[in-house]
Amino acid sequence: QSQLVESGGGLVQPGGSLRLSCAASGFTLAAYRVGWFRQAPGKEREGVSCISSSGGATNYADSVWGRFTISRDNTKNTVYLQMNSLKPEDTAVYYCTAVRAVSDVCRLRKDEFVHWGQGTQVTVSS
């Protein structure tokens, strides 16, 4: 059974850091474009970052530019989202998503992604 499993969420103070992981099982993530989206209560799900299958292309939402870094380790079948300088407005459920794609592009459009994880809660609060 193919699935994505997120981990690494939790409670952190403003200015702190977290690293989210997205591990794939049942398929080889190396052939997939992977994205991170988030959804806060009462808000639409929004794109945070994505990375192409080769890792050669990345994209970030303006709100996280310079603070978040996406990376992948295809030997571990895992994609990471390093989140630094966290703000209360980063509080949300973070979802990992993937689509099989070989082109070296990456766009933060949720309708382009197929597989979704269950999400991990990130809370930024003092």
PDB file of N, CA and C in Angstrom:
ATOM      1  N   GLN A   1       0.839  -1.185   0.000  1.00  0.00           N
ATOM      2  CA  GLN A   1       0.000   0.000   0.000  1.00  0.00           C
ATOM      3  C   GLN A   1       0.885   1.250   0.000  1.00  0.00           C
ATOM      4  N   SER A   2       0.648   2.149  -0.953  1.00  0.00           N
ATOM      5  CA  SER A   2       1.444   3.354  -1.054  1.00  0.00           C
ATOM      6  C   SER A   2       0.956   4.400  -0.067  1.00  0.00           C
ATOM      7  N   GLN A   3       1.878   4.970   0.686  1.00  0.00           N
ATOM      8  CA  GLN A   3       1.483   6.025   1.602  1.00  0.00           C
ATOM      9  C   GLN A   3       2.647   6.942   1.935  1.00  0.00           C
ATOM     10  N   LEU A   4       2.274   8.148   2.363  1.00  0.00           N
ATOM     11  CA  LEU A   4       3.220   9.138   2.848  1.00  0.00           C
ATOM     12  C   LEU A   4       2.948   9.352   4.333  1.00  0.00           C
ATOM     13  N   VAL A   5       4.002   9.397   5.118  1.00  0.00           N
ATOM     14  CA  VAL A   5       3.855   9.583   6.554  1.00  0.00           C
ATOM     15  C   VAL A   5       4.727  10.757   6.998  1.00  0.00           C
ATOM     16  N   GLU A   6       4.053  11.771   7.568  1.00  0.00           N
ATOM     17  CA  GLU A   6       4.778  12.931   8.079  1.00  0.00           C
ATOM     18  C   GLU A   6       5.128  12.723   9.549  1.00  0.00           C
ATOM     19  N   SER A   7       6.215  13.329   9.966  1.00  0.00           N
ATOM     20  CA  SER A   7       6.606  13.319  11.375  1.00  0.00           C
ATOM     21  C   SER A   7       7.421  14.572  11.653  1.00  0.00           C
ATOM     22  N   GLY A   8       7.625  14.851  12.949  1.00  0.00           N
ATOM     23  CA  GLY A   8       8.471  15.972  13.337  1.00  0.00           C
ATOM     24  C   GLY A   8       7.723  17.207  13.818  1.00  0.00           C
ATOM     25  N   GLY A   9       6.413  17.166  13.759  1.00  0.00           N
ATOM     26  CA  GLY A   9       5.650  18.305  14.247  1.00  0.00           C
ATOM     27  C   GLY A   9       5.681  18.386  15.758  1.00  0.00           C
ATOM     28  N   GLY A  10       5.144  19.487  16.304  1.00  0.00           N
ATOM     29  CA  GLY A  10       5.106  19.640  17.740  1.00  0.00           C
ATOM     30  C   GLY A  10       4.881  21.091  18.136  1.00  0.00           C
ATOM     31  N   LEU A  11       5.111  21.347  19.405  1.00  0.00           N
ATOM     32  CA  LEU A  11       4.958  22.689  19.958  1.00  0.00           C
ATOM     33  C   LEU A  11       6.332  23.332  20.077  1.00  0.00           C
ATOM     34  N   VAL A  12       6.462  24.553  19.585  1.00  0.00           N
ATOM     35  CA  VAL A  12       7.740  25.248  19.632  1.00  0.00           C
ATOM     36  C   VAL A  12       7.477  26.722  19.913  1.00  0.00           C
ATOM     37  N   GLN A  13       8.414  27.372  20.564  1.00  0.00           N
ATOM     38  CA  GLN A  13       8.268  28.792  20.852  1.00  0.00           C
ATOM     39  C   GLN A  13       8.591  29.632  19.616  1.00  0.00           C
ATOM     40  N   PRO A  14       8.059  30.825  19.539  1.00  0.00           N
ATOM     41  CA  PRO A  14       8.417  31.723  18.427  1.00  0.00           C
ATOM     42  C   PRO A  14       9.929  31.900  18.335  1.00  0.00           C
ATOM     43  N   GLY A  15      10.427  31.847  17.113  1.00  0.00           N
ATOM     44  CA  GLY A  15      11.859  31.924  16.883  1.00  0.00           C
ATOM     45  C   GLY A  15      12.553  30.578  16.868  1.00  0.00           C
ATOM     46  N   GLY A  16      11.831  29.534  17.249  1.00  0.00           N
ATOM     47  CA  GLY A  16      12.412  28.210  17.296  1.00  0.00           C
ATOM     48  C   GLY A  16      12.420  27.512  15.949  1.00  0.00           C
ATOM     49  N   SER A  17      12.863  26.245  15.967  1.00  0.00           N
ATOM     50  CA  SER A  17      13.000  25.472  14.741  1.00  0.00           C
ATOM     51  C   SER A  17      12.383  24.089  14.894  1.00  0.00           C
ATOM     52  N   LEU A  18      11.966  23.558  13.774  1.00  0.00           N
ATOM     53  CA  LEU A  18      11.496  22.171  13.686  1.00  0.00           C
ATOM     54  C   LEU A  18      11.928  21.627  12.333  1.00  0.00           C
ATOM     55  N   ARG A  19      12.105  20.331  12.270  1.00  0.00           N
ATOM     56  CA  ARG A  19      12.348  19.674  10.985  1.00  0.00           C
ATOM     57  C   ARG A  19      11.284  18.616  10.765  1.00  0.00           C
ATOM     58  N   LEU A  20      10.504  18.794   9.721  1.00  0.00           N
ATOM     59  CA  LEU A  20       9.495  17.810   9.350  1.00  0.00           C
ATOM     60  C   LEU A  20      10.089  16.805   8.376  1.00  0.00           C
ATOM     61  N   SER A  21       9.621  15.576   8.505  1.00  0.00           N
ATOM     62  CA  SER A  21      10.037  14.512   7.591  1.00  0.00           C
ATOM     63  C   SER A  21       8.807  13.938   6.907  1.00  0.00           C
ATOM     64  N   CYS A  22       8.999  13.542   5.676  1.00  0.00           N
ATOM     65  CA  CYS A  22       7.953  12.881   4.898  1.00  0.00           C
ATOM     66  C   CYS A  22       8.560  11.607   4.334  1.00  0.00           C
ATOM     67  N   ALA A  23       8.132  10.484   4.876  1.00  0.00           N
ATOM     68  CA  ALA A  23       8.656   9.196   4.448  1.00  0.00           C
ATOM     69  C   ALA A  23       7.629   8.476   3.594  1.00  0.00           C
ATOM     70  N   ALA A  24       8.092   7.914   2.498  1.00  0.00           N
ATOM     71  CA  ALA A  24       7.208   7.181   1.597  1.00  0.00           C
ATOM     72  C   ALA A  24       7.372   5.690   1.813  1.00  0.00           C
ATOM     73  N   SER A  25       6.268   4.975   1.707  1.00  0.00           N
ATOM     74  CA  SER A  25       6.316   3.514   1.742  1.00  0.00           C
ATOM     75  C   SER A  25       5.453   2.985   0.617  1.00  0.00           C
ATOM     76  N   GLY A  26       5.898   1.903   0.024  1.00  0.00           N
ATOM     77  CA  GLY A  26       5.141   1.304  -1.067  1.00  0.00           C
ATOM     78  C   GLY A  26       5.476   1.858  -2.432  1.00  0.00           C
ATOM     79  N   PHE A  27       6.305   2.874  -2.496  1.00  0.00           N
ATOM     80  CA  PHE A  27       6.747   3.407  -3.781  1.00  0.00           C
ATOM     81  C   PHE A  27       8.059   4.154  -3.594  1.00  0.00           C
ATOM     82  N   THR A  28       8.765   4.371  -4.703  1.00  0.00           N
ATOM     83  CA  THR A  28      10.069   5.022  -4.658  1.00  0.00           C
ATOM     84  C   THR A  28       9.906   6.515  -4.867  1.00  0.00           C
ATOM     85  N   LEU A  29      10.196   7.271  -3.832  1.00  0.00           N
ATOM     86  CA  LEU A  29       9.963   8.706  -3.853  1.00  0.00           C
ATOM     87  C   LEU A  29      10.863   9.431  -4.839  1.00  0.00           C
ATOM     88  N   ALA A  30      11.949   8.822  -5.248  1.00  0.00           N
ATOM     89  CA  ALA A  30      12.905   9.479  -6.137  1.00  0.00           C
ATOM     90  C   ALA A  30      12.286   9.902  -7.462  1.00  0.00           C
ATOM     91  N   ALA A  31      11.221   9.235  -7.878  1.00  0.00           N
ATOM     92  CA  ALA A  31      10.584   9.569  -9.152  1.00  0.00           C
ATOM     93  C   ALA A  31       9.450  10.574  -8.989  1.00  0.00           C
ATOM     94  N   TYR A  32       9.328  11.131  -7.796  1.00  0.00           N
ATOM     95  CA  TYR A  32       8.177  11.975  -7.487  1.00  0.00           C
ATOM     96  C   TYR A  32       8.585  13.403  -7.123  1.00  0.00           C
ATOM     97  N   ARG A  33       7.780  14.337  -7.601  1.00  0.00           N
ATOM     98  CA  ARG A  33       7.839  15.710  -7.135  1.00  0.00           C
ATOM     99  C   ARG A  33       7.111  15.728  -5.790  1.00  0.00           C
ATOM    100  N   VAL A  34       7.669  16.412  -4.793  1.00  0.00           N
ATOM    101  CA  VAL A  34       7.100  16.394  -3.451  1.00  0.00           C
ATOM    102  C   VAL A  34       6.851  17.814  -2.974  1.00  0.00           C
ATOM    103  N   GLY A  35       5.728  17.990  -2.319  1.00  0.00           N
ATOM    104  CA  GLY A  35       5.384  19.309  -1.798  1.00  0.00           C
ATOM    105  C   GLY A  35       4.977  19.243  -0.339  1.00  0.00           C
ATOM    106  N   TRP A  36       5.068  20.380   0.299  1.00  0.00           N
ATOM    107  CA  TRP A  36       4.531  20.567   1.646  1.00  0.00           C
ATOM    108  C   TRP A  36       3.451  21.650   1.565  1.00  0.00           C
ATOM    109  N   PHE A  37       2.292  21.324   2.119  1.00  0.00           N
ATOM    110  CA  PHE A  37       1.196  22.271   2.220  1.00  0.00           C
ATOM    111  C   PHE A  37       0.810  22.382   3.686  1.00  0.00           C
ATOM    112  N   ARG A  38       0.098  23.418   4.034  1.00  0.00           N
ATOM    113  CA  ARG A  38      -0.360  23.567   5.417  1.00  0.00           C
ATOM    114  C   ARG A  38      -1.776  24.130   5.431  1.00  0.00           C
ATOM    115  N   GLN A  39      -2.456  23.814   6.523  1.00  0.00           N
ATOM    116  CA  GLN A  39      -3.820  24.304   6.678  1.00  0.00           C
ATOM    117  C   GLN A  39      -4.051  24.704   8.125  1.00  0.00           C
ATOM    118  N   ALA A  40      -4.350  25.971   8.320  1.00  0.00           N
ATOM    119  CA  ALA A  40      -4.679  26.491   9.642  1.00  0.00           C
ATOM    120  C   ALA A  40      -6.192  26.439   9.813  1.00  0.00           C
ATOM    121  N   PRO A  41      -6.670  26.421  11.053  1.00  0.00           N
ATOM    122  CA  PRO A  41      -8.116  26.356  11.287  1.00  0.00           C
ATOM    123  C   PRO A  41      -8.853  27.493  10.573  1.00  0.00           C
ATOM    124  N   GLY A  42      -9.890  27.130   9.840  1.00  0.00           N
ATOM    125  CA  GLY A  42     -10.701  28.124   9.157  1.00  0.00           C
ATOM    126  C   GLY A  42     -10.100  28.695   7.898  1.00  0.00           C
ATOM    127  N   LYS A  43      -8.963  28.158   7.471  1.00  0.00           N
ATOM    128  CA  LYS A  43      -8.296  28.679   6.278  1.00  0.00           C
ATOM    129  C   LYS A  43      -8.144  27.598   5.218  1.00  0.00           C
ATOM    130  N   GLU A  44      -7.898  28.056   3.996  1.00  0.00           N
ATOM    131  CA  GLU A  44      -7.657  27.130   2.898  1.00  0.00           C
ATOM    132  C   GLU A  44      -6.278  26.492   3.047  1.00  0.00           C
ATOM    133  N   ARG A  45      -6.145  25.291   2.482  1.00  0.00           N
ATOM    134  CA  ARG A  45      -4.833  24.660   2.443  1.00  0.00           C
ATOM    135  C   ARG A  45      -3.961  25.437   1.470  1.00  0.00           C
ATOM    136  N   GLU A  46      -2.761  25.767   1.907  1.00  0.00           N
ATOM    137  CA  GLU A  46      -1.868  26.577   1.088  1.00  0.00           C
ATOM    138  C   GLU A  46      -0.522  25.900   0.890  1.00  0.00           C
ATOM    139  N   GLY A  47       0.086  26.179  -0.238  1.00  0.00           N
ATOM    140  CA  GLY A  47       1.395  25.622  -0.523  1.00  0.00           C
ATOM    141  C   GLY A  47       2.484  26.297   0.276  1.00  0.00           C
ATOM    142  N   VAL A  48       3.422  25.504   0.760  1.00  0.00           N
ATOM    143  CA  VAL A  48       4.547  26.013   1.538  1.00  0.00           C
ATOM    144  C   VAL A  48       5.844  25.894   0.750  1.00  0.00           C
ATOM    145  N   SER A  49       6.090  24.703   0.241  1.00  0.00           N
ATOM    146  CA  SER A  49       7.321  24.472  -0.496  1.00  0.00           C
ATOM    147  C   SER A  49       7.187  23.210  -1.323  1.00  0.00           C
ATOM    148  N   CYS A  50       8.004  23.096  -2.365  1.00  0.00           N
ATOM    149  CA  CYS A  50       8.033  21.861  -3.133  1.00  0.00           C
ATOM    150  C   CYS A  50       9.426  21.666  -3.716  1.00  0.00           C
ATOM    151  N   ILE A  51       9.685  20.424  -4.125  1.00  0.00           N
ATOM    152  CA  ILE A  51      10.978  20.071  -4.680  1.00  0.00           C
ATOM    153  C   ILE A  51      10.764  19.092  -5.821  1.00  0.00           C
ATOM    154  N   SER A  52      11.507  19.288  -6.900  1.00  0.00           N
ATOM    155  CA  SER A  52      11.370  18.405  -8.050  1.00  0.00           C
ATOM    156  C   SER A  52      11.967  17.033  -7.734  1.00  0.00           C
ATOM    157  N   SER A  53      11.704  16.073  -8.597  1.00  0.00           N
ATOM    158  CA  SER A  53      12.160  14.707  -8.345  1.00  0.00           C
ATOM    159  C   SER A  53      13.686  14.623  -8.281  1.00  0.00           C
ATOM    160  N   SER A  54      14.368  15.431  -9.072  1.00  0.00           N
ATOM    161  CA  SER A  54      15.833  15.423  -9.056  1.00  0.00           C
ATOM    162  C   SER A  54      16.406  16.242  -7.911  1.00  0.00           C
ATOM    163  N   GLY A  55      15.569  17.095  -7.333  1.00  0.00           N
ATOM    164  CA  GLY A  55      16.054  18.028  -6.321  1.00  0.00           C
ATOM    165  C   GLY A  55      16.626  19.298  -6.918  1.00  0.00           C
ATOM    166  N   GLY A  56      16.623  19.390  -8.259  1.00  0.00           N
ATOM    167  CA  GLY A  56      17.225  20.533  -8.915  1.00  0.00           C
ATOM    168  C   GLY A  56      16.384  21.796  -8.896  1.00  0.00           C
ATOM    169  N   ALA A  57      15.110  21.640  -8.601  1.00  0.00           N
ATOM    170  CA  ALA A  57      14.219  22.801  -8.548  1.00  0.00           C
ATOM    171  C   ALA A  57      13.453  22.797  -7.242  1.00  0.00           C
ATOM    172  N   THR A  58      13.373  23.952  -6.623  1.00  0.00           N
ATOM    173  CA  THR A  58      12.585  24.109  -5.409  1.00  0.00           C
ATOM    174  C   THR A  58      11.742  25.378  -5.541  1.00  0.00           C
ATOM    175  N   ASN A  59      10.741  25.460  -4.696  1.00  0.00           N
ATOM    176  CA  ASN A  59       9.860  26.623  -4.716  1.00  0.00           C
ATOM    177  C   ASN A  59       9.357  26.850  -3.295  1.00  0.00           C
ATOM    178  N   TYR A  60       9.144  28.122  -2.959  1.00  0.00           N
ATOM    179  CA  TYR A  60       8.703  28.463  -1.613  1.00  0.00           C
ATOM    180  C   TYR A  60       7.620  29.536  -1.672  1.00  0.00           C
ATOM    181  N   ALA A  61       6.697  29.453  -0.727  1.00  0.00           N
ATOM    182  CA  ALA A  61       5.738  30.539  -0.561  1.00  0.00           C
ATOM    183  C   ALA A  61       6.474  31.768  -0.048  1.00  0.00           C
ATOM    184  N   ASP A  62       6.001  32.943  -0.427  1.00  0.00           N
ATOM    185  CA  ASP A  62       6.645  34.181   0.024  1.00  0.00           C
ATOM    186  C   ASP A  62       6.726  34.257   1.542  1.00  0.00           C
ATOM    187  N   SER A  63       5.722  33.722   2.212  1.00  0.00           N
ATOM    188  CA  SER A  63       5.632  33.835   3.666  1.00  0.00           C
ATOM    189  C   SER A  63       6.707  33.041   4.402  1.00  0.00           C
ATOM    190  N   VAL A  64       7.330  32.073   3.716  1.00  0.00           N
ATOM    191  CA  VAL A  64       8.341  31.247   4.386  1.00  0.00           C
ATOM    192  C   VAL A  64       9.717  31.401   3.754  1.00  0.00           C
ATOM    193  N   TRP A  65       9.813  32.220   2.711  1.00  0.00           N
ATOM    194  CA  TRP A  65      11.092  32.388   2.001  1.00  0.00           C
ATOM    195  C   TRP A  65      12.177  32.850   2.961  1.00  0.00           C
ATOM    196  N   GLY A  66      13.303  32.173   2.902  1.00  0.00           N
ATOM    197  CA  GLY A  66      14.434  32.531   3.748  1.00  0.00           C
ATOM    198  C   GLY A  66      14.403  31.911   5.126  1.00  0.00           C
ATOM    199  N   ARG A  67      13.275  31.309   5.495  1.00  0.00           N
ATOM    200  CA  ARG A  67      13.162  30.671   6.808  1.00  0.00           C
ATOM    201  C   ARG A  67      13.053  29.155   6.703  1.00  0.00           C
ATOM    202  N   PHE A  68      12.422  28.665   5.652  1.00  0.00           N
ATOM    203  CA  PHE A  68      12.219  27.226   5.465  1.00  0.00           C
ATOM    204  C   PHE A  68      13.124  26.716   4.346  1.00  0.00           C
ATOM    205  N   THR A  69      13.561  25.477   4.489  1.00  0.00           N
ATOM    206  CA  THR A  69      14.364  24.836   3.455  1.00  0.00           C
ATOM    207  C   THR A  69      13.868  23.422   3.222  1.00  0.00           C
ATOM    208  N   ILE A  70      13.581  23.115   1.976  1.00  0.00           N
ATOM    209  CA  ILE A  70      13.152  21.763   1.625  1.00  0.00           C
ATOM    210  C   ILE A  70      14.343  21.003   1.047  1.00  0.00           C
ATOM    211  N   SER A  71      14.410  19.721   1.358  1.00  0.00           N
ATOM    212  CA  SER A  71      15.490  18.893   0.819  1.00  0.00           C
ATOM    213  C   SER A  71      14.992  17.461   0.713  1.00  0.00           C
ATOM    214  N   ARG A  72      15.756  16.643   0.033  1.00  0.00           N
ATOM    215  CA  ARG A  72      15.354  15.241  -0.087  1.00  0.00           C
ATOM    216  C   ARG A  72      16.571  14.349  -0.016  1.00  0.00           C
ATOM    217  N   ASP A  73      16.341  13.148   0.528  1.00  0.00           N
ATOM    218  CA  ASP A  73      17.357  12.106   0.564  1.00  0.00           C
ATOM    219  C   ASP A  73      16.726  10.879  -0.058  1.00  0.00           C
ATOM    220  N   ASN A  74      16.986  10.681  -1.330  1.00  0.00           N
ATOM    221  CA  ASN A  74      16.344   9.577  -2.043  1.00  0.00           C
ATOM    222  C   ASN A  74      16.833   8.214  -1.561  1.00  0.00           C
ATOM    223  N   THR A  75      17.983   8.172  -0.937  1.00  0.00           N
ATOM    224  CA  THR A  75      18.461   6.888  -0.403  1.00  0.00           C
ATOM    225  C   THR A  75      17.625   6.466   0.804  1.00  0.00           C
ATOM    226  N   LYS A  76      16.992   7.452   1.444  1.00  0.00           N
ATOM    227  CA  LYS A  76      16.136   7.151   2.596  1.00  0.00           C
ATOM    228  C   LYS A  76      14.654   7.271   2.249  1.00  0.00           C
ATOM    229  N   ASN A  77      14.386   7.557   0.960  1.00  0.00           N
ATOM    230  CA  ASN A  77      12.994   7.677   0.522  1.00  0.00           C
ATOM    231  C   ASN A  77      12.238   8.722   1.345  1.00  0.00           C
ATOM    232  N   THR A  78      12.898   9.833   1.633  1.00  0.00           N
ATOM    233  CA  THR A  78      12.369  10.828   2.559  1.00  0.00           C
ATOM    234  C   THR A  78      12.644  12.243   2.052  1.00  0.00           C
ATOM    235  N   VAL A  79      11.678  13.124   2.301  1.00  0.00           N
ATOM    236  CA  VAL A  79      11.824  14.553   2.034  1.00  0.00           C
ATOM    237  C   VAL A  79      11.690  15.291   3.354  1.00  0.00           C
ATOM    238  N   TYR A  80      12.464  16.349   3.505  1.00  0.00           N
ATOM    239  CA  TYR A  80      12.485  17.106   4.748  1.00  0.00           C
ATOM    240  C   TYR A  80      12.059  18.553   4.522  1.00  0.00           C
ATOM    241  N   LEU A  81      11.537  19.151   5.594  1.00  0.00           N
ATOM    242  CA  LEU A  81      11.269  20.581   5.593  1.00  0.00           C
ATOM    243  C   LEU A  81      11.863  21.153   6.877  1.00  0.00           C
ATOM    244  N   GLN A  82      12.970  21.847   6.735  1.00  0.00           N
ATOM    245  CA  GLN A  82      13.597  22.509   7.874  1.00  0.00           C
ATOM    246  C   GLN A  82      12.947  23.876   8.047  1.00  0.00           C
ATOM    247  N   MET A  83      12.399  24.103   9.224  1.00  0.00           N
ATOM    248  CA  MET A  83      11.675  25.344   9.495  1.00  0.00           C
ATOM    249  C   MET A  83      12.382  26.097  10.616  1.00  0.00           C
ATOM    250  N   ASN A  84      12.902  27.262  10.286  1.00  0.00           N
ATOM    251  CA  ASN A  84      13.599  28.108  11.254  1.00  0.00           C
ATOM    252  C   ASN A  84      12.837  29.409  11.470  1.00  0.00           C
ATOM    253  N   SER A  85      13.189  30.099  12.527  1.00  0.00           N
ATOM    254  CA  SER A  85      12.572  31.398  12.844  1.00  0.00           C
ATOM    255  C   SER A  85      11.049  31.316  12.792  1.00  0.00           C
ATOM    256  N   LEU A  86      10.519  30.304  13.429  1.00  0.00           N
ATOM    257  CA  LEU A  86       9.079  30.060  13.356  1.00  0.00           C
ATOM    258  C   LEU A  86       8.284  31.181  14.014  1.00  0.00           C
ATOM    259  N   LYS A  87       7.119  31.438  13.426  1.00  0.00           N
ATOM    260  CA  LYS A  87       6.226  32.496  13.889  1.00  0.00           C
ATOM    261  C   LYS A  87       4.874  31.891  14.264  1.00  0.00           C
ATOM    262  N   PRO A  88       4.121  32.555  15.111  1.00  0.00           N
ATOM    263  CA  PRO A  88       2.792  32.020  15.450  1.00  0.00           C
ATOM    264  C   PRO A  88       1.921  31.774  14.218  1.00  0.00           C
ATOM    265  N   GLU A  89       2.082  32.569  13.191  1.00  0.00           N
ATOM    266  CA  GLU A  89       1.273  32.388  11.981  1.00  0.00           C
ATOM    267  C   GLU A  89       1.677  31.159  11.166  1.00  0.00           C
ATOM    268  N   ASP A  90       2.752  30.492  11.563  1.00  0.00           N
ATOM    269  CA  ASP A  90       3.121  29.230  10.928  1.00  0.00           C
ATOM    270  C   ASP A  90       2.347  28.057  11.521  1.00  0.00           C
ATOM    271  N   THR A  91       1.581  28.300  12.566  1.00  0.00           N
ATOM    272  CA  THR A  91       0.795  27.246  13.197  1.00  0.00           C
ATOM    273  C   THR A  91      -0.228  26.683  12.219  1.00  0.00           C
ATOM    274  N   ALA A  92      -0.189  25.369  12.031  1.00  0.00           N
ATOM    275  CA  ALA A  92      -1.075  24.708  11.072  1.00  0.00           C
ATOM    276  C   ALA A  92      -0.805  23.213  11.101  1.00  0.00           C
ATOM    277  N   VAL A  93      -1.654  22.473  10.416  1.00  0.00           N
ATOM    278  CA  VAL A  93      -1.348  21.084  10.118  1.00  0.00           C
ATOM    279  C   VAL A  93      -0.580  21.083   8.797  1.00  0.00           C
ATOM    280  N   TYR A  94       0.566  20.426   8.803  1.00  0.00           N
ATOM    281  CA  TYR A  94       1.428  20.377   7.626  1.00  0.00           C
ATOM    282  C   TYR A  94       1.273  19.023   6.941  1.00  0.00           C
ATOM    283  N   TYR A  95       1.037  19.078   5.637  1.00  0.00           N
ATOM    284  CA  TYR A  95       0.807  17.885   4.847  1.00  0.00           C
ATOM    285  C   TYR A  95       1.917  17.705   3.813  1.00  0.00           C
ATOM    286  N   CYS A  96       2.327  16.474   3.651  1.00  0.00           N
ATOM    287  CA  CYS A  96       3.248  16.105   2.595  1.00  0.00           C
ATOM    288  C   CYS A  96       2.424  15.562   1.427  1.00  0.00           C
ATOM    289  N   THR A  97       2.857  15.872   0.221  1.00  0.00           N
ATOM    290  CA  THR A  97       2.136  15.412  -0.953  1.00  0.00           C
ATOM    291  C   THR A  97       3.110  15.122  -2.076  1.00  0.00           C
ATOM    292  N   ALA A  98       2.737  14.231  -2.976  1.00  0.00           N
ATOM    293  CA  ALA A  98       3.657  13.830  -4.038  1.00  0.00           C
ATOM    294  C   ALA A  98       2.904  13.491  -5.316  1.00  0.00           C
ATOM    295  N   VAL A  99       3.604  13.655  -6.419  1.00  0.00           N
ATOM    296  CA  VAL A  99       3.075  13.259  -7.723  1.00  0.00           C
ATOM    297  C   VAL A  99       4.243  12.744  -8.558  1.00  0.00           C
ATOM    298  N   ARG A 100       3.998  11.679  -9.303  1.00  0.00           N
ATOM    299  CA  ARG A 100       5.054  11.130 -10.143  1.00  0.00           C
ATOM    300  C   ARG A 100       5.319  12.105 -11.283  1.00  0.00           C
ATOM    301  N   ALA A 101       6.545  12.569 -11.378  1.00  0.00           N
ATOM    302  CA  ALA A 101       6.876  13.591 -12.377  1.00  0.00           C
ATOM    303  C   ALA A 101       8.376  13.621 -12.594  1.00  0.00           C
ATOM    304  N   VAL A 102       8.796  13.656 -13.842  1.00  0.00           N
ATOM    305  CA  VAL A 102      10.227  13.674 -14.150  1.00  0.00           C
ATOM    306  C   VAL A 102      10.725  15.052 -14.541  1.00  0.00           C
ATOM    307  N   SER A 103       9.818  15.971 -14.851  1.00  0.00           N
ATOM    308  CA  SER A 103      10.262  17.308 -15.258  1.00  0.00           C
ATOM    309  C   SER A 103      10.858  18.037 -14.065  1.00  0.00           C
ATOM    310  N   ASP A 104      11.841  18.857 -14.343  1.00  0.00           N
ATOM    311  CA  ASP A 104      12.566  19.551 -13.276  1.00  0.00           C
ATOM    312  C   ASP A 104      11.925  20.897 -12.956  1.00  0.00           C
ATOM    313  N   VAL A 105      10.640  20.826 -12.654  1.00  0.00           N
ATOM    314  CA  VAL A 105       9.913  22.023 -12.259  1.00  0.00           C
ATOM    315  C   VAL A 105       9.118  21.691 -11.013  1.00  0.00           C
ATOM    316  N   CYS A 106       8.640  22.731 -10.371  1.00  0.00           N
ATOM    317  CA  CYS A 106       7.903  22.543  -9.133  1.00  0.00           C
ATOM    318  C   CYS A 106       7.014  23.754  -8.907  1.00  0.00           C
ATOM    319  N   ARG A 107       5.714  23.523  -8.806  1.00  0.00           N
ATOM    320  CA  ARG A 107       4.778  24.622  -8.563  1.00  0.00           C
ATOM    321  C   ARG A 107       3.910  24.298  -7.353  1.00  0.00           C
ATOM    322  N   LEU A 108       3.543  25.296  -6.628  1.00  0.00           N
ATOM    323  CA  LEU A 108       2.750  25.112  -5.412  1.00  0.00           C
ATOM    324  C   LEU A 108       1.255  25.146  -5.738  1.00  0.00           C
ATOM    325  N   ARG A 109       0.842  24.165  -6.518  1.00  0.00           N
ATOM    326  CA  ARG A 109      -0.565  24.029  -6.881  1.00  0.00           C
ATOM    327  C   ARG A 109      -1.053  22.682  -6.369  1.00  0.00           C
ATOM    328  N   LYS A 110      -1.959  22.706  -5.420  1.00  0.00           N
ATOM    329  CA  LYS A 110      -2.359  21.446  -4.794  1.00  0.00           C
ATOM    330  C   LYS A 110      -3.105  20.540  -5.763  1.00  0.00           C
ATOM    331  N   ASP A 111      -3.707  21.095  -6.822  1.00  0.00           N
ATOM    332  CA  ASP A 111      -4.422  20.239  -7.767  1.00  0.00           C
ATOM    333  C   ASP A 111      -3.462  19.451  -8.658  1.00  0.00           C
ATOM    334  N   GLU A 112      -2.175  19.734  -8.578  1.00  0.00           N
ATOM    335  CA  GLU A 112      -1.189  18.990  -9.362  1.00  0.00           C
ATOM    336  C   GLU A 112      -0.624  17.788  -8.607  1.00  0.00           C
ATOM    337  N   PHE A 113      -0.965  17.672  -7.330  1.00  0.00           N
ATOM    338  CA  PHE A 113      -0.437  16.583  -6.519  1.00  0.00           C
ATOM    339  C   PHE A 113      -1.504  15.509  -6.313  1.00  0.00           C
ATOM    340  N   VAL A 114      -1.028  14.264  -6.152  1.00  0.00           N
ATOM    341  CA  VAL A 114      -1.938  13.126  -6.115  1.00  0.00           C
ATOM    342  C   VAL A 114      -1.982  12.438  -4.749  1.00  0.00           C
ATOM    343  N   HIS A 115      -0.814  12.095  -4.227  1.00  0.00           N
ATOM    344  CA  HIS A 115      -0.744  11.355  -2.967  1.00  0.00           C
ATOM    345  C   HIS A 115      -0.586  12.342  -1.807  1.00  0.00           C
ATOM    346  N   TRP A 116      -1.336  12.114  -0.736  1.00  0.00           N
ATOM    347  CA  TRP A 116      -1.302  12.999   0.424  1.00  0.00           C
ATOM    348  C   TRP A 116      -1.122  12.195   1.702  1.00  0.00           C
ATOM    349  N   GLY A 117      -0.320  12.770   2.624  1.00  0.00           N
ATOM    350  CA  GLY A 117      -0.191  12.176   3.941  1.00  0.00           C
ATOM    351  C   GLY A 117      -1.313  12.640   4.846  1.00  0.00           C
ATOM    352  N   GLN A 118      -1.280  12.170   6.098  1.00  0.00           N
ATOM    353  CA  GLN A 118      -2.332  12.502   7.063  1.00  0.00           C
ATOM    354  C   GLN A 118      -2.088  13.819   7.775  1.00  0.00           C
ATOM    355  N   GLY A 119      -0.867  14.323   7.693  1.00  0.00           N
ATOM    356  CA  GLY A 119      -0.560  15.611   8.293  1.00  0.00           C
ATOM    357  C   GLY A 119       0.073  15.496   9.666  1.00  0.00           C
ATOM    358  N   THR A 120       0.818  16.542  10.025  1.00  0.00           N
ATOM    359  CA  THR A 120       1.424  16.636  11.350  1.00  0.00           C
ATOM    360  C   THR A 120       1.209  18.063  11.863  1.00  0.00           C
ATOM    361  N   GLN A 121       0.844  18.165  13.134  1.00  0.00           N
ATOM    362  CA  GLN A 121       0.505  19.467  13.705  1.00  0.00           C
ATOM    363  C   GLN A 121       1.772  20.218  14.110  1.00  0.00           C
ATOM    364  N   VAL A 122       1.834  21.476  13.704  1.00  0.00           N
ATOM    365  CA  VAL A 122       2.894  22.385  14.138  1.00  0.00           C
ATOM    366  C   VAL A 122       2.223  23.550  14.857  1.00  0.00           C
ATOM    367  N   THR A 123       2.627  23.767  16.102  1.00  0.00           N
ATOM    368  CA  THR A 123       2.074  24.861  16.895  1.00  0.00           C
ATOM    369  C   THR A 123       3.215  25.751  17.372  1.00  0.00           C
ATOM    370  N   VAL A 124       3.127  27.029  17.033  1.00  0.00           N
ATOM    371  CA  VAL A 124       4.151  27.985  17.442  1.00  0.00           C
ATOM    372  C   VAL A 124       3.509  28.938  18.444  1.00  0.00           C
ATOM    373  N   SER A 125       3.935  28.819  19.689  1.00  0.00           N
ATOM    374  CA  SER A 125       3.304  29.596  20.745  1.00  0.00           C
ATOM    375  C   SER A 125       4.244  29.701  21.940  1.00  0.00           C
ATOM    376  N   SER A 126       4.147  30.829  22.626  1.00  0.00           N
ATOM    377  CA  SER A 126       4.926  30.986  23.849  1.00  0.00           C
ATOM    378  C   SER A 126       4.103  30.572  25.072  1.00  0.00           C
TER     379      SER A 126
END
